[in-house]
Full PDB file with SEQRES, HELIX, SHEET, SSBOND, CRYST1, ORIGX, SCALE, CONECT and MASTER records, all heavy atoms in Angstrom:
SEQRES   1 A   46  PHE GLN GLN MET ILE LEU VAL ALA GLN SER GLY ALA ILE          
SEQRES   2 A   46  GLY GLU VAL VAL ASP ILE SER ALA THR VAL THR ASN LEU          
SEQRES   3 A   46  LEU PRO ASP ASP THR ASP THR GLY PHE ALA ASN GLU ARG          
SEQRES   4 A   46  MET MET GLU ASN PHE SER TYR                                  
HELIX    1 AA1 GLN A    2  GLN A    9  1                                   8    
HELIX    2 AA2 THR A   33  SER A   45  1                                  13    
CRYST1    1.000    1.000    1.000  90.00  90.00  90.00 P 1           1          
ORIGX1      1.000000  0.000000  0.000000        0.00000                         
ORIGX2      0.000000  1.000000  0.000000        0.00000                         
ORIGX3      0.000000  0.000000  1.000000        0.00000                         
SCALE1      1.000000  0.000000  0.000000        0.00000                         
SCALE2      0.000000  1.000000  0.000000        0.00000                         
SCALE3      0.000000  0.000000  1.000000        0.00000                         
ATOM      1  N   PHE A   1      59.365  20.725 -60.250  1.00  0.00           N  
ATOM      2  CA  PHE A   1      57.920  20.800 -59.628  1.00  0.00           C  
ATOM      3  C   PHE A   1      58.081  22.041 -58.687  1.00  0.00           C  
ATOM      4  O   PHE A   1      57.016  22.754 -58.717  1.00  0.00           O  
ATOM      5  CB  PHE A   1      57.870  19.557 -58.808  1.00  0.00           C  
ATOM      6  CG  PHE A   1      56.606  19.517 -57.960  1.00  0.00           C  
ATOM      7  CD1 PHE A   1      55.344  19.122 -58.600  1.00  0.00           C  
ATOM      8  CD2 PHE A   1      56.475  19.878 -56.660  1.00  0.00           C  
ATOM      9  CE1 PHE A   1      54.145  19.145 -57.911  1.00  0.00           C  
ATOM     10  CE2 PHE A   1      55.352  19.906 -55.940  1.00  0.00           C  
ATOM     11  CZ  PHE A   1      54.137  19.548 -56.657  1.00  0.00           C  
ATOM     12  N   GLN A   2      58.983  22.305 -57.991  1.00  0.00           N  
ATOM     13  CA  GLN A   2      59.072  23.480 -57.047  1.00  0.00           C  
ATOM     14  C   GLN A   2      58.959  24.677 -57.843  1.00  0.00           C  
ATOM     15  O   GLN A   2      58.196  25.667 -57.447  1.00  0.00           O  
ATOM     16  CB  GLN A   2      60.360  23.418 -56.170  1.00  0.00           C  
ATOM     17  CG  GLN A   2      60.465  22.306 -55.273  1.00  0.00           C  
ATOM     18  CD  GLN A   2      61.740  22.291 -54.443  1.00  0.00           C  
ATOM     19  OE1 GLN A   2      62.743  22.958 -54.859  1.00  0.00           O  
ATOM     20  NE2 GLN A   2      61.629  21.572 -53.284  1.00  0.00           N  
ATOM     21  N   GLN A   3      59.572  24.806 -59.042  1.00  0.00           N  
ATOM     22  CA  GLN A   3      59.387  26.101 -59.870  1.00  0.00           C  
ATOM     23  C   GLN A   3      58.017  26.118 -60.386  1.00  0.00           C  
ATOM     24  O   GLN A   3      57.462  27.260 -60.460  1.00  0.00           O  
ATOM     25  CB  GLN A   3      60.383  26.087 -61.017  1.00  0.00           C  
ATOM     26  CG  GLN A   3      60.366  27.244 -61.860  1.00  0.00           C  
ATOM     27  CD  GLN A   3      60.837  28.494 -61.140  1.00  0.00           C  
ATOM     28  OE1 GLN A   3      61.689  28.447 -60.187  1.00  0.00           O  
ATOM     29  NE2 GLN A   3      60.173  29.609 -61.518  1.00  0.00           N  
ATOM     30  N   MET A   4      57.460  25.022 -60.909  1.00  0.00           N  
ATOM     31  CA  MET A   4      56.052  25.002 -61.396  1.00  0.00           C  
ATOM     32  C   MET A   4      55.137  25.552 -60.290  1.00  0.00           C  
ATOM     33  O   MET A   4      54.293  26.378 -60.501  1.00  0.00           O  
ATOM     34  CB  MET A   4      55.735  23.535 -61.723  1.00  0.00           C  
ATOM     35  CG  MET A   4      54.230  23.422 -62.268  1.00  0.00           C  
ATOM     36  SD  MET A   4      53.707  21.740 -62.283  1.00  0.00           S  
ATOM     37  CE  MET A   4      53.324  21.619 -60.467  1.00  0.00           C  
ATOM     38  N   ILE A   5      55.185  25.162 -58.980  1.00  0.00           N  
ATOM     39  CA  ILE A   5      54.283  25.529 -58.039  1.00  0.00           C  
ATOM     40  C   ILE A   5      54.473  27.143 -57.760  1.00  0.00           C  
ATOM     41  O   ILE A   5      53.497  27.943 -57.625  1.00  0.00           O  
ATOM     42  CB  ILE A   5      54.630  24.856 -56.608  1.00  0.00           C  
ATOM     43  CG1 ILE A   5      54.230  23.377 -56.726  1.00  0.00           C  
ATOM     44  CG2 ILE A   5      53.988  25.531 -55.448  1.00  0.00           C  
ATOM     45  CD1 ILE A   5      52.759  23.120 -56.987  1.00  0.00           C  
ATOM     46  N   LEU A   6      55.807  27.569 -57.812  1.00  0.00           N  
ATOM     47  CA  LEU A   6      56.036  29.010 -57.616  1.00  0.00           C  
ATOM     48  C   LEU A   6      55.373  29.848 -58.839  1.00  0.00           C  
ATOM     49  O   LEU A   6      54.819  30.902 -58.612  1.00  0.00           O  
ATOM     50  CB  LEU A   6      57.459  29.329 -57.756  1.00  0.00           C  
ATOM     51  CG  LEU A   6      58.165  28.833 -56.440  1.00  0.00           C  
ATOM     52  CD1 LEU A   6      59.776  29.100 -56.708  1.00  0.00           C  
ATOM     53  CD2 LEU A   6      57.768  29.626 -55.129  1.00  0.00           C  
ATOM     54  N   VAL A   7      55.536  29.354 -60.025  1.00  0.00           N  
ATOM     55  CA  VAL A   7      54.859  29.990 -61.198  1.00  0.00           C  
ATOM     56  C   VAL A   7      53.253  30.051 -61.062  1.00  0.00           C  
ATOM     57  O   VAL A   7      52.670  31.147 -61.261  1.00  0.00           O  
ATOM     58  CB  VAL A   7      55.265  29.305 -62.542  1.00  0.00           C  
ATOM     59  CG1 VAL A   7      54.441  29.875 -63.621  1.00  0.00           C  
ATOM     60  CG2 VAL A   7      56.725  29.410 -62.868  1.00  0.00           C  
ATOM     61  N   ALA A   8      52.686  28.917 -60.615  1.00  0.00           N  
ATOM     62  CA  ALA A   8      51.342  28.897 -60.432  1.00  0.00           C  
ATOM     63  C   ALA A   8      50.803  29.823 -59.269  1.00  0.00           C  
ATOM     64  O   ALA A   8      49.798  30.504 -59.281  1.00  0.00           O  
ATOM     65  CB  ALA A   8      50.814  27.519 -60.053  1.00  0.00           C  
ATOM     66  N   GLN A   9      51.678  29.871 -58.212  1.00  0.00           N  
ATOM     67  CA  GLN A   9      51.297  30.825 -57.125  1.00  0.00           C  
ATOM     68  C   GLN A   9      51.719  32.303 -57.407  1.00  0.00           C  
ATOM     69  O   GLN A   9      51.166  33.278 -56.591  1.00  0.00           O  
ATOM     70  CB  GLN A   9      52.146  30.331 -55.831  1.00  0.00           C  
ATOM     71  CG  GLN A   9      51.600  28.959 -55.265  1.00  0.00           C  
ATOM     72  CD  GLN A   9      52.497  28.535 -54.170  1.00  0.00           C  
ATOM     73  OE1 GLN A   9      53.795  28.859 -54.171  1.00  0.00           O  
ATOM     74  NE2 GLN A   9      51.991  27.726 -53.256  1.00  0.00           N  
ATOM     75  N   SER A  10      52.375  32.549 -58.342  1.00  0.00           N  
ATOM     76  CA  SER A  10      52.860  33.872 -58.667  1.00  0.00           C  
ATOM     77  C   SER A  10      51.793  34.807 -59.308  1.00  0.00           C  
ATOM     78  O   SER A  10      51.885  36.064 -59.247  1.00  0.00           O  
ATOM     79  CB  SER A  10      54.044  33.938 -59.663  1.00  0.00           C  
ATOM     80  OG  SER A  10      53.606  33.575 -60.903  1.00  0.00           O  
ATOM     81  N   GLY A  11      50.745  34.169 -59.740  1.00  0.00           N  
ATOM     82  CA  GLY A  11      49.678  34.964 -60.461  1.00  0.00           C  
ATOM     83  C   GLY A  11      49.815  35.075 -61.908  1.00  0.00           C  
ATOM     84  O   GLY A  11      49.064  35.637 -62.610  1.00  0.00           O  
ATOM     85  N   ALA A  12      50.895  34.451 -62.467  1.00  0.00           N  
ATOM     86  CA  ALA A  12      51.256  34.545 -63.903  1.00  0.00           C  
ATOM     87  C   ALA A  12      50.084  34.011 -64.709  1.00  0.00           C  
ATOM     88  O   ALA A  12      49.879  34.448 -65.701  1.00  0.00           O  
ATOM     89  CB  ALA A  12      52.484  33.757 -64.147  1.00  0.00           C  
ATOM     90  N   ILE A  13      49.439  32.929 -64.188  1.00  0.00           N  
ATOM     91  CA  ILE A  13      48.237  32.359 -65.007  1.00  0.00           C  
ATOM     92  C   ILE A  13      46.897  32.741 -64.349  1.00  0.00           C  
ATOM     93  O   ILE A  13      45.873  32.191 -64.577  1.00  0.00           O  
ATOM     94  CB  ILE A  13      48.396  30.689 -65.020  1.00  0.00           C  
ATOM     95  CG1 ILE A  13      48.339  30.219 -63.605  1.00  0.00           C  
ATOM     96  CG2 ILE A  13      49.539  30.343 -65.877  1.00  0.00           C  
ATOM     97  CD1 ILE A  13      48.085  28.576 -63.595  1.00  0.00           C  
ATOM     98  N   GLY A  14      47.028  33.746 -63.437  1.00  0.00           N  
ATOM     99  CA  GLY A  14      45.758  34.183 -62.843  1.00  0.00           C  
ATOM    100  C   GLY A  14      45.405  33.390 -61.653  1.00  0.00           C  
ATOM    101  O   GLY A  14      46.101  32.681 -61.123  1.00  0.00           O  
ATOM    102  N   GLU A  15      44.165  33.381 -61.244  1.00  0.00           N  
ATOM    103  CA  GLU A  15      43.591  32.505 -60.174  1.00  0.00           C  
ATOM    104  C   GLU A  15      43.404  31.138 -60.695  1.00  0.00           C  
ATOM    105  O   GLU A  15      42.846  30.859 -61.747  1.00  0.00           O  
ATOM    106  CB  GLU A  15      42.343  33.089 -59.694  1.00  0.00           C  
ATOM    107  CG  GLU A  15      41.728  32.357 -58.519  1.00  0.00           C  
ATOM    108  CD  GLU A  15      40.294  32.870 -58.101  1.00  0.00           C  
ATOM    109  OE1 GLU A  15      39.968  33.965 -58.613  1.00  0.00           O  
ATOM    110  OE2 GLU A  15      39.692  32.272 -57.266  1.00  0.00           O  
ATOM    111  N   VAL A  16      43.928  30.190 -59.913  1.00  0.00           N  
ATOM    112  CA  VAL A  16      43.852  28.797 -60.278  1.00  0.00           C  
ATOM    113  C   VAL A  16      42.396  28.349 -60.075  1.00  0.00           C  
ATOM    114  O   VAL A  16      41.800  28.480 -58.900  1.00  0.00           O  
ATOM    115  CB  VAL A  16      44.803  27.902 -59.363  1.00  0.00           C  
ATOM    116  CG1 VAL A  16      44.593  26.449 -59.820  1.00  0.00           C  
ATOM    117  CG2 VAL A  16      46.241  28.185 -59.763  1.00  0.00           C  
ATOM    118  N   VAL A  17      41.737  27.760 -61.067  1.00  0.00           N  
ATOM    119  CA  VAL A  17      40.422  27.471 -60.993  1.00  0.00           C  
ATOM    120  C   VAL A  17      40.198  25.878 -61.184  1.00  0.00           C  
ATOM    121  O   VAL A  17      39.278  25.346 -60.517  1.00  0.00           O  
ATOM    122  CB  VAL A  17      39.584  28.110 -62.203  1.00  0.00           C  
ATOM    123  CG1 VAL A  17      38.209  27.657 -62.059  1.00  0.00           C  
ATOM    124  CG2 VAL A  17      39.629  29.668 -61.983  1.00  0.00           C  
ATOM    125  N   ASP A  18      41.079  25.242 -61.906  1.00  0.00           N  
ATOM    126  CA  ASP A  18      40.933  23.785 -62.062  1.00  0.00           C  
ATOM    127  C   ASP A  18      42.200  23.142 -62.232  1.00  0.00           C  
ATOM    128  O   ASP A  18      43.203  23.737 -62.869  1.00  0.00           O  
ATOM    129  CB  ASP A  18      40.144  23.632 -63.465  1.00  0.00           C  
ATOM    130  CG  ASP A  18      39.911  22.114 -63.731  1.00  0.00           C  
ATOM    131  OD1 ASP A  18      39.065  21.496 -63.198  1.00  0.00           O  
ATOM    132  OD2 ASP A  18      40.723  21.644 -64.587  1.00  0.00           O  
ATOM    133  N   ILE A  19      42.390  22.086 -61.718  1.00  0.00           N  
ATOM    134  CA  ILE A  19      43.604  21.190 -61.824  1.00  0.00           C  
ATOM    135  C   ILE A  19      43.160  19.756 -62.151  1.00  0.00           C  
ATOM    136  O   ILE A  19      42.320  19.291 -61.561  1.00  0.00           O  
ATOM    137  CB  ILE A  19      44.361  21.100 -60.458  1.00  0.00           C  
ATOM    138  CG1 ILE A  19      44.856  22.415 -59.953  1.00  0.00           C  
ATOM    139  CG2 ILE A  19      45.643  20.216 -60.528  1.00  0.00           C  
ATOM    140  CD1 ILE A  19      45.421  22.540 -58.655  1.00  0.00           C  
ATOM    141  N   SER A  20      43.804  19.362 -63.160  1.00  0.00           N  
ATOM    142  CA  SER A  20      43.463  17.961 -63.628  1.00  0.00           C  
ATOM    143  C   SER A  20      44.776  17.131 -63.746  1.00  0.00           C  
ATOM    144  O   SER A  20      45.856  17.607 -64.370  1.00  0.00           O  
ATOM    145  CB  SER A  20      42.856  18.062 -65.133  1.00  0.00           C  
ATOM    146  OG  SER A  20      42.672  16.734 -65.556  1.00  0.00           O  
ATOM    147  N   ALA A  21      44.864  15.937 -63.148  1.00  0.00           N  
ATOM    148  CA  ALA A  21      46.061  15.233 -63.049  1.00  0.00           C  
ATOM    149  C   ALA A  21      45.822  13.746 -63.100  1.00  0.00           C  
ATOM    150  O   ALA A  21      44.781  13.192 -62.695  1.00  0.00           O  
ATOM    151  CB  ALA A  21      46.830  15.497 -61.743  1.00  0.00           C  
ATOM    152  N   THR A  22      46.632  13.036 -63.797  1.00  0.00           N  
ATOM    153  CA  THR A  22      46.529  11.618 -63.987  1.00  0.00           C  
ATOM    154  C   THR A  22      47.793  10.758 -63.725  1.00  0.00           C  
ATOM    155  O   THR A  22      48.883  11.156 -64.177  1.00  0.00           O  
ATOM    156  CB  THR A  22      46.185  11.191 -65.461  1.00  0.00           C  
ATOM    157  OG1 THR A  22      44.821  11.849 -65.632  1.00  0.00           O  
ATOM    158  CG2 THR A  22      45.907   9.701 -65.705  1.00  0.00           C  
ATOM    159  N   VAL A  23      47.610   9.761 -62.835  1.00  0.00           N  
ATOM    160  CA  VAL A  23      48.866   8.801 -62.568  1.00  0.00           C  
ATOM    161  C   VAL A  23      48.295   7.473 -62.700  1.00  0.00           C  
ATOM    162  O   VAL A  23      47.594   7.013 -61.820  1.00  0.00           O  
ATOM    163  CB  VAL A  23      49.387   9.122 -61.134  1.00  0.00           C  
ATOM    164  CG1 VAL A  23      50.590   8.259 -60.922  1.00  0.00           C  
ATOM    165  CG2 VAL A  23      49.760  10.588 -61.003  1.00  0.00           C  
ATOM    166  N   THR A  24      48.778   6.735 -63.752  1.00  0.00           N  
ATOM    167  CA  THR A  24      48.316   5.353 -63.883  1.00  0.00           C  
ATOM    168  C   THR A  24      49.531   4.469 -64.263  1.00  0.00           C  
ATOM    169  O   THR A  24      50.556   4.827 -64.872  1.00  0.00           O  
ATOM    170  CB  THR A  24      47.297   5.138 -65.056  1.00  0.00           C  
ATOM    171  OG1 THR A  24      47.895   5.677 -66.250  1.00  0.00           O  
ATOM    172  CG2 THR A  24      46.116   5.989 -64.726  1.00  0.00           C  
ATOM    173  N   ASN A  25      49.544   3.208 -63.721  1.00  0.00           N  
ATOM    174  CA  ASN A  25      50.426   2.159 -64.114  1.00  0.00           C  
ATOM    175  C   ASN A  25      49.590   0.887 -64.457  1.00  0.00           C  
ATOM    176  O   ASN A  25      48.507   0.778 -63.981  1.00  0.00           O  
ATOM    177  CB  ASN A  25      51.318   1.781 -62.900  1.00  0.00           C  
ATOM    178  CG  ASN A  25      51.794   3.010 -62.089  1.00  0.00           C  
ATOM    179  OD1 ASN A  25      51.538   3.268 -61.024  1.00  0.00           O  
ATOM    180  ND2 ASN A  25      52.725   3.706 -62.795  1.00  0.00           N  
ATOM    181  N   LEU A  26      50.178   0.033 -65.316  1.00  0.00           N  
ATOM    182  CA  LEU A  26      49.517  -1.312 -65.592  1.00  0.00           C  
ATOM    183  C   LEU A  26      50.380  -2.369 -64.808  1.00  0.00           C  
ATOM    184  O   LEU A  26      51.488  -2.597 -65.116  1.00  0.00           O  
ATOM    185  CB  LEU A  26      49.626  -1.603 -67.129  1.00  0.00           C  
ATOM    186  CG  LEU A  26      48.553  -0.642 -67.870  1.00  0.00           C  
ATOM    187  CD1 LEU A  26      48.691  -1.188 -69.372  1.00  0.00           C  
ATOM    188  CD2 LEU A  26      47.039  -0.907 -67.328  1.00  0.00           C  
ATOM    189  N   LEU A  27      49.756  -2.903 -63.737  1.00  0.00           N  
ATOM    190  CA  LEU A  27      50.384  -4.002 -63.030  1.00  0.00           C  
ATOM    191  C   LEU A  27      49.864  -5.398 -63.674  1.00  0.00           C  
ATOM    192  O   LEU A  27      48.793  -5.424 -64.136  1.00  0.00           O  
ATOM    193  CB  LEU A  27      50.063  -3.916 -61.589  1.00  0.00           C  
ATOM    194  CG  LEU A  27      50.555  -2.707 -60.760  1.00  0.00           C  
ATOM    195  CD1 LEU A  27      50.173  -2.759 -59.314  1.00  0.00           C  
ATOM    196  CD2 LEU A  27      52.006  -2.571 -60.963  1.00  0.00           C  
ATOM    197  N   PRO A  28      50.670  -6.455 -63.542  1.00  0.00           N  
ATOM    198  CA  PRO A  28      50.219  -7.728 -64.103  1.00  0.00           C  
ATOM    199  C   PRO A  28      48.832  -8.140 -63.400  1.00  0.00           C  
ATOM    200  O   PRO A  28      48.684  -7.707 -62.233  1.00  0.00           O  
ATOM    201  CB  PRO A  28      51.307  -8.694 -63.725  1.00  0.00           C  
ATOM    202  CG  PRO A  28      52.563  -7.707 -63.643  1.00  0.00           C  
ATOM    203  CD  PRO A  28      52.087  -6.487 -63.103  1.00  0.00           C  
ATOM    204  N   ASP A  29      48.081  -8.893 -64.088  1.00  0.00           N  
ATOM    205  CA  ASP A  29      46.718  -9.347 -63.563  1.00  0.00           C  
ATOM    206  C   ASP A  29      46.940 -10.078 -62.267  1.00  0.00           C  
ATOM    207  O   ASP A  29      45.880 -10.113 -61.458  1.00  0.00           O  
ATOM    208  CB  ASP A  29      45.933 -10.122 -64.498  1.00  0.00           C  
ATOM    209  CG  ASP A  29      45.483  -9.342 -65.784  1.00  0.00           C  
ATOM    210  OD1 ASP A  29      45.418  -7.894 -65.534  1.00  0.00           O  
ATOM    211  OD2 ASP A  29      45.271  -9.812 -66.800  1.00  0.00           O  
ATOM    212  N   ASP A  30      47.967 -10.823 -62.151  1.00  0.00           N  
ATOM    213  CA  ASP A  30      48.175 -11.720 -60.953  1.00  0.00           C  
ATOM    214  C   ASP A  30      48.827 -10.920 -59.841  1.00  0.00           C  
ATOM    215  O   ASP A  30      49.310 -11.671 -58.849  1.00  0.00           O  
ATOM    216  CB  ASP A  30      48.875 -12.921 -61.255  1.00  0.00           C  
ATOM    217  CG  ASP A  30      50.329 -12.622 -61.864  1.00  0.00           C  
ATOM    218  OD1 ASP A  30      50.569 -11.477 -62.211  1.00  0.00           O  
ATOM    219  OD2 ASP A  30      51.063 -13.700 -62.191  1.00  0.00           O  
ATOM    220  N   THR A  31      49.035  -9.625 -59.814  1.00  0.00           N  
ATOM    221  CA  THR A  31      49.654  -8.901 -58.810  1.00  0.00           C  
ATOM    222  C   THR A  31      48.970  -9.154 -57.571  1.00  0.00           C  
ATOM    223  O   THR A  31      47.767  -9.096 -57.405  1.00  0.00           O  
ATOM    224  CB  THR A  31      49.733  -7.396 -59.139  1.00  0.00           C  
ATOM    225  OG1 THR A  31      50.593  -7.253 -60.413  1.00  0.00           O  
ATOM    226  CG2 THR A  31      50.458  -6.625 -58.025  1.00  0.00           C  
ATOM    227  N   ASP A  32      49.645  -9.310 -56.418  1.00  0.00           N  
ATOM    228  CA  ASP A  32      49.042  -9.530 -55.109  1.00  0.00           C  
ATOM    229  C   ASP A  32      48.193  -8.236 -54.772  1.00  0.00           C  
ATOM    230  O   ASP A  32      48.484  -7.057 -54.948  1.00  0.00           O  
ATOM    231  CB  ASP A  32      50.219  -9.534 -54.018  1.00  0.00           C  
ATOM    232  CG  ASP A  32      49.598  -9.661 -52.674  1.00  0.00           C  
ATOM    233  OD1 ASP A  32      49.031 -10.583 -52.250  1.00  0.00           O  
ATOM    234  OD2 ASP A  32      49.673  -8.518 -52.029  1.00  0.00           O  
ATOM    235  N   THR A  33      46.924  -8.552 -54.199  1.00  0.00           N  
ATOM    236  CA  THR A  33      45.995  -7.466 -53.922  1.00  0.00           C  
ATOM    237  C   THR A  33      46.633  -6.481 -53.001  1.00  0.00           C  
ATOM    238  O   THR A  33      46.365  -5.212 -53.269  1.00  0.00           O  
ATOM    239  CB  THR A  33      44.817  -7.964 -53.293  1.00  0.00           C  
ATOM    240  OG1 THR A  33      44.117  -8.838 -54.262  1.00  0.00           O  
ATOM    241  CG2 THR A  33      43.747  -6.826 -52.865  1.00  0.00           C  
ATOM    242  N   GLY A  34      47.333  -6.832 -51.997  1.00  0.00           N  
ATOM    243  CA  GLY A  34      48.005  -5.877 -51.032  1.00  0.00           C  
ATOM    244  C   GLY A  34      48.937  -4.857 -51.684  1.00  0.00           C  
ATOM    245  O   GLY A  34      48.968  -3.763 -51.499  1.00  0.00           O  
ATOM    246  N   PHE A  35      49.784  -5.516 -52.461  1.00  0.00           N  
ATOM    247  CA  PHE A  35      50.819  -4.675 -53.300  1.00  0.00           C  
ATOM    248  C   PHE A  35      50.034  -3.751 -54.257  1.00  0.00           C  
ATOM    249  O   PHE A  35      50.424  -2.542 -54.348  1.00  0.00           O  
ATOM    250  CB  PHE A  35      51.776  -5.591 -54.005  1.00  0.00           C  
ATOM    251  CG  PHE A  35      52.836  -4.723 -54.851  1.00  0.00           C  
ATOM    252  CD1 PHE A  35      53.855  -4.373 -54.196  1.00  0.00           C  
ATOM    253  CD2 PHE A  35      52.520  -4.522 -56.266  1.00  0.00           C  
ATOM    254  CE1 PHE A  35      54.848  -3.515 -54.979  1.00  0.00           C  
ATOM    255  CE2 PHE A  35      53.477  -3.848 -56.887  1.00  0.00           C  
ATOM    256  CZ  PHE A  35      54.671  -3.362 -56.200  1.00  0.00           C  
ATOM    257  N   ALA A  36      49.027  -4.216 -54.975  1.00  0.00           N  
ATOM    258  CA  ALA A  36      48.343  -3.343 -55.952  1.00  0.00           C  
ATOM    259  C   ALA A  36      47.671  -2.182 -55.144  1.00  0.00           C  
ATOM    260  O   ALA A  36      47.739  -1.088 -55.614  1.00  0.00           O  
ATOM    261  CB  ALA A  36      47.359  -4.154 -56.663  1.00  0.00           C  
ATOM    262  N   ASN A  37      46.985  -2.406 -53.980  1.00  0.00           N  
ATOM    263  CA  ASN A  37      46.328  -1.392 -53.389  1.00  0.00           C  
ATOM    264  C   ASN A  37      47.400  -0.355 -52.657  1.00  0.00           C  
ATOM    265  O   ASN A  37      47.096   0.827 -52.646  1.00  0.00           O  
ATOM    266  CB  ASN A  37      45.434  -1.900 -52.305  1.00  0.00           C  
ATOM    267  CG  ASN A  37      44.255  -2.531 -52.843  1.00  0.00           C  
ATOM    268  OD1 ASN A  37      43.796  -2.362 -54.022  1.00  0.00           O  
ATOM    269  ND2 ASN A  37      43.598  -3.307 -52.127  1.00  0.00           N  
ATOM    270  N   GLU A  38      48.616  -0.910 -52.415  1.00  0.00           N  
ATOM    271  CA  GLU A  38      49.566  -0.060 -51.852  1.00  0.00           C  
ATOM    272  C   GLU A  38      50.082   0.908 -52.950  1.00  0.00           C  
ATOM    273  O   GLU A  38      50.323   2.103 -52.784  1.00  0.00           O  
ATOM    274  CB  GLU A  38      50.835  -0.898 -51.398  1.00  0.00           C  
ATOM    275  CG  GLU A  38      51.904  -0.158 -50.650  1.00  0.00           C  
ATOM    276  CD  GLU A  38      52.900  -1.037 -50.015  1.00  0.00           C  
ATOM    277  OE1 GLU A  38      52.616  -2.013 -49.344  1.00  0.00           O  
ATOM    278  OE2 GLU A  38      54.166  -0.727 -50.173  1.00  0.00           O  
ATOM    279  N   ARG A  39      50.241   0.354 -54.214  1.00  0.00           N  
ATOM    280  CA  ARG A  39      50.634   1.235 -55.249  1.00  0.00           C  
ATOM    281  C   ARG A  39      49.514   2.273 -55.551  1.00  0.00           C  
ATOM    282  O   ARG A  39      49.917   3.350 -55.937  1.00  0.00           O  
ATOM    283  CB  ARG A  39      50.947   0.277 -56.527  1.00  0.00           C  
ATOM    284  CG  ARG A  39      51.283   1.168 -57.729  1.00  0.00           C  
ATOM    285  CD  ARG A  39      52.583   1.938 -57.619  1.00  0.00           C  
ATOM    286  NE  ARG A  39      53.723   1.118 -57.394  1.00  0.00           N  
ATOM    287  CZ  ARG A  39      54.418   0.591 -58.363  1.00  0.00           C  
ATOM    288  NH1 ARG A  39      54.099   0.812 -59.612  1.00  0.00           N  
ATOM    289  NH2 ARG A  39      55.472  -0.229 -58.143  1.00  0.00           N  
ATOM    290  N   MET A  40      48.373   1.887 -55.472  1.00  0.00           N  
ATOM    291  CA  MET A  40      47.311   2.916 -55.585  1.00  0.00           C  
ATOM    292  C   MET A  40      47.320   3.971 -54.582  1.00  0.00           C  
ATOM    293  O   MET A  40      47.247   5.144 -54.982  1.00  0.00           O  
ATOM    294  CB  MET A  40      45.862   2.196 -55.474  1.00  0.00           C  
ATOM    295  CG  MET A  40      45.357   1.456 -56.708  1.00  0.00           C  
ATOM    296  SD  MET A  40      45.001   2.551 -58.159  1.00  0.00           S  
ATOM    297  CE  MET A  40      43.515   3.260 -57.441  1.00  0.00           C  
ATOM    298  N   MET A  41      47.629   3.694 -53.371  1.00  0.00           N  
ATOM    299  CA  MET A  41      47.898   4.679 -52.384  1.00  0.00           C  
ATOM    300  C   MET A  41      48.973   5.678 -52.686  1.00  0.00           C  
ATOM    301  O   MET A  41      48.919   6.796 -52.502  1.00  0.00           O  
ATOM    302  CB  MET A  41      48.161   4.070 -51.015  1.00  0.00           C  
ATOM    303  CG  MET A  41      46.896   3.352 -50.348  1.00  0.00           C  
ATOM    304  SD  MET A  41      47.391   2.397 -48.765  1.00  0.00           S  
ATOM    305  CE  MET A  41      47.960   3.869 -47.877  1.00  0.00           C  
ATOM    306  N   GLU A  42      49.986   5.164 -53.184  1.00  0.00           N  
ATOM    307  CA  GLU A  42      51.175   5.899 -53.684  1.00  0.00           C  
ATOM    308  C   GLU A  42      50.789   6.878 -54.638  1.00  0.00           C  
ATOM    309  O   GLU A  42      51.060   7.994 -54.722  1.00  0.00           O  
ATOM    310  CB  GLU A  42      52.317   5.058 -54.035  1.00  0.00           C  
ATOM    311  CG  GLU A  42      53.600   5.894 -54.394  1.00  0.00           C  
ATOM    312  CD  GLU A  42      54.701   4.935 -54.939  1.00  0.00           C  
ATOM    313  OE1 GLU A  42      54.627   3.767 -54.653  1.00  0.00           O  
ATOM    314  OE2 GLU A  42      55.755   5.480 -55.391  1.00  0.00           O  
ATOM    315  N   ASN A  43      50.087   6.301 -55.783  1.00  0.00           N  
ATOM    316  CA  ASN A  43      49.678   7.094 -56.867  1.00  0.00           C  
ATOM    317  C   ASN A  43      48.725   8.213 -56.430  1.00  0.00           C  
ATOM    318  O   ASN A  43      48.889   9.368 -57.071  1.00  0.00           O  
ATOM    319  CB  ASN A  43      48.968   6.264 -57.840  1.00  0.00           C  
ATOM    320  CG  ASN A  43      49.960   5.379 -58.684  1.00  0.00           C  
ATOM    321  OD1 ASN A  43      51.171   5.495 -58.569  1.00  0.00           O  
ATOM    322  ND2 ASN A  43      49.420   4.482 -59.604  1.00  0.00           N  
ATOM    323  N   PHE A  44      47.891   7.915 -55.518  1.00  0.00           N  
ATOM    324  CA  PHE A  44      46.963   9.113 -54.877  1.00  0.00           C  
ATOM    325  C   PHE A  44      47.824  10.290 -54.469  1.00  0.00           C  
ATOM    326  O   PHE A  44      47.343  11.474 -54.549  1.00  0.00           O  
ATOM    327  CB  PHE A  44      46.148   8.503 -53.804  1.00  0.00           C  
ATOM    328  CG  PHE A  44      44.844   8.082 -54.186  1.00  0.00           C  
ATOM    329  CD1 PHE A  44      44.491   6.678 -54.120  1.00  0.00           C  
ATOM    330  CD2 PHE A  44      43.901   8.791 -54.568  1.00  0.00           C  
ATOM    331  CE1 PHE A  44      43.325   6.223 -54.481  1.00  0.00           C  
ATOM    332  CE2 PHE A  44      42.541   8.396 -55.125  1.00  0.00           C  
ATOM    333  CZ  PHE A  44      42.377   7.040 -54.850  1.00  0.00           C  
ATOM    334  N   SER A  45      49.077  10.040 -53.958  1.00  0.00           N  
ATOM    335  CA  SER A  45      49.756  11.051 -53.247  1.00  0.00           C  
ATOM    336  C   SER A  45      50.229  12.183 -54.205  1.00  0.00           C  
ATOM    337  O   SER A  45      50.270  13.308 -53.813  1.00  0.00           O  
ATOM    338  CB  SER A  45      51.056  10.438 -52.679  1.00  0.00           C  
ATOM    339  OG  SER A  45      50.772   9.395 -51.702  1.00  0.00           O  
ATOM    340  N   TYR A  46      50.439  11.822 -55.501  1.00  0.00           N  
ATOM    341  CA  TYR A  46      50.896  12.808 -56.439  1.00  0.00           C  
ATOM    342  C   TYR A  46      50.050  13.876 -56.724  1.00  0.00           C  
ATOM    343  O   TYR A  46      50.326  15.185 -56.542  1.00  0.00           O  
ATOM    344  CB  TYR A  46      51.572  12.189 -57.675  1.00  0.00           C  
ATOM    345  CG  TYR A  46      52.734  11.280 -57.357  1.00  0.00           C  
ATOM    346  CD1 TYR A  46      52.570   9.844 -57.308  1.00  0.00           C  
ATOM    347  CD2 TYR A  46      53.939  11.761 -56.928  1.00  0.00           C  
ATOM    348  CE1 TYR A  46      53.549   9.037 -57.070  1.00  0.00           C  
ATOM    349  CE2 TYR A  46      54.986  10.963 -56.684  1.00  0.00           C  
ATOM    350  CZ  TYR A  46      54.721   9.561 -56.777  1.00  0.00           C  
ATOM    351  OH  TYR A  46      55.850   8.617 -56.370  1.00  0.00           O  
TER     352      TYR A  46                                                      
MASTER        0    0    0    2    0    0    0    6  351    1    0    4          
END                                                                             
């Protein structure tokens, strides 16, 4: 990840115009609401 950031910042791919990222997990339907929302918060971080 650190090398990827350096490559992106180096100008090798030019000026960064768009970033698209996806982080998803499938939790069981009966997962506690608090835990599910906590996992969502964690996924947002990436």
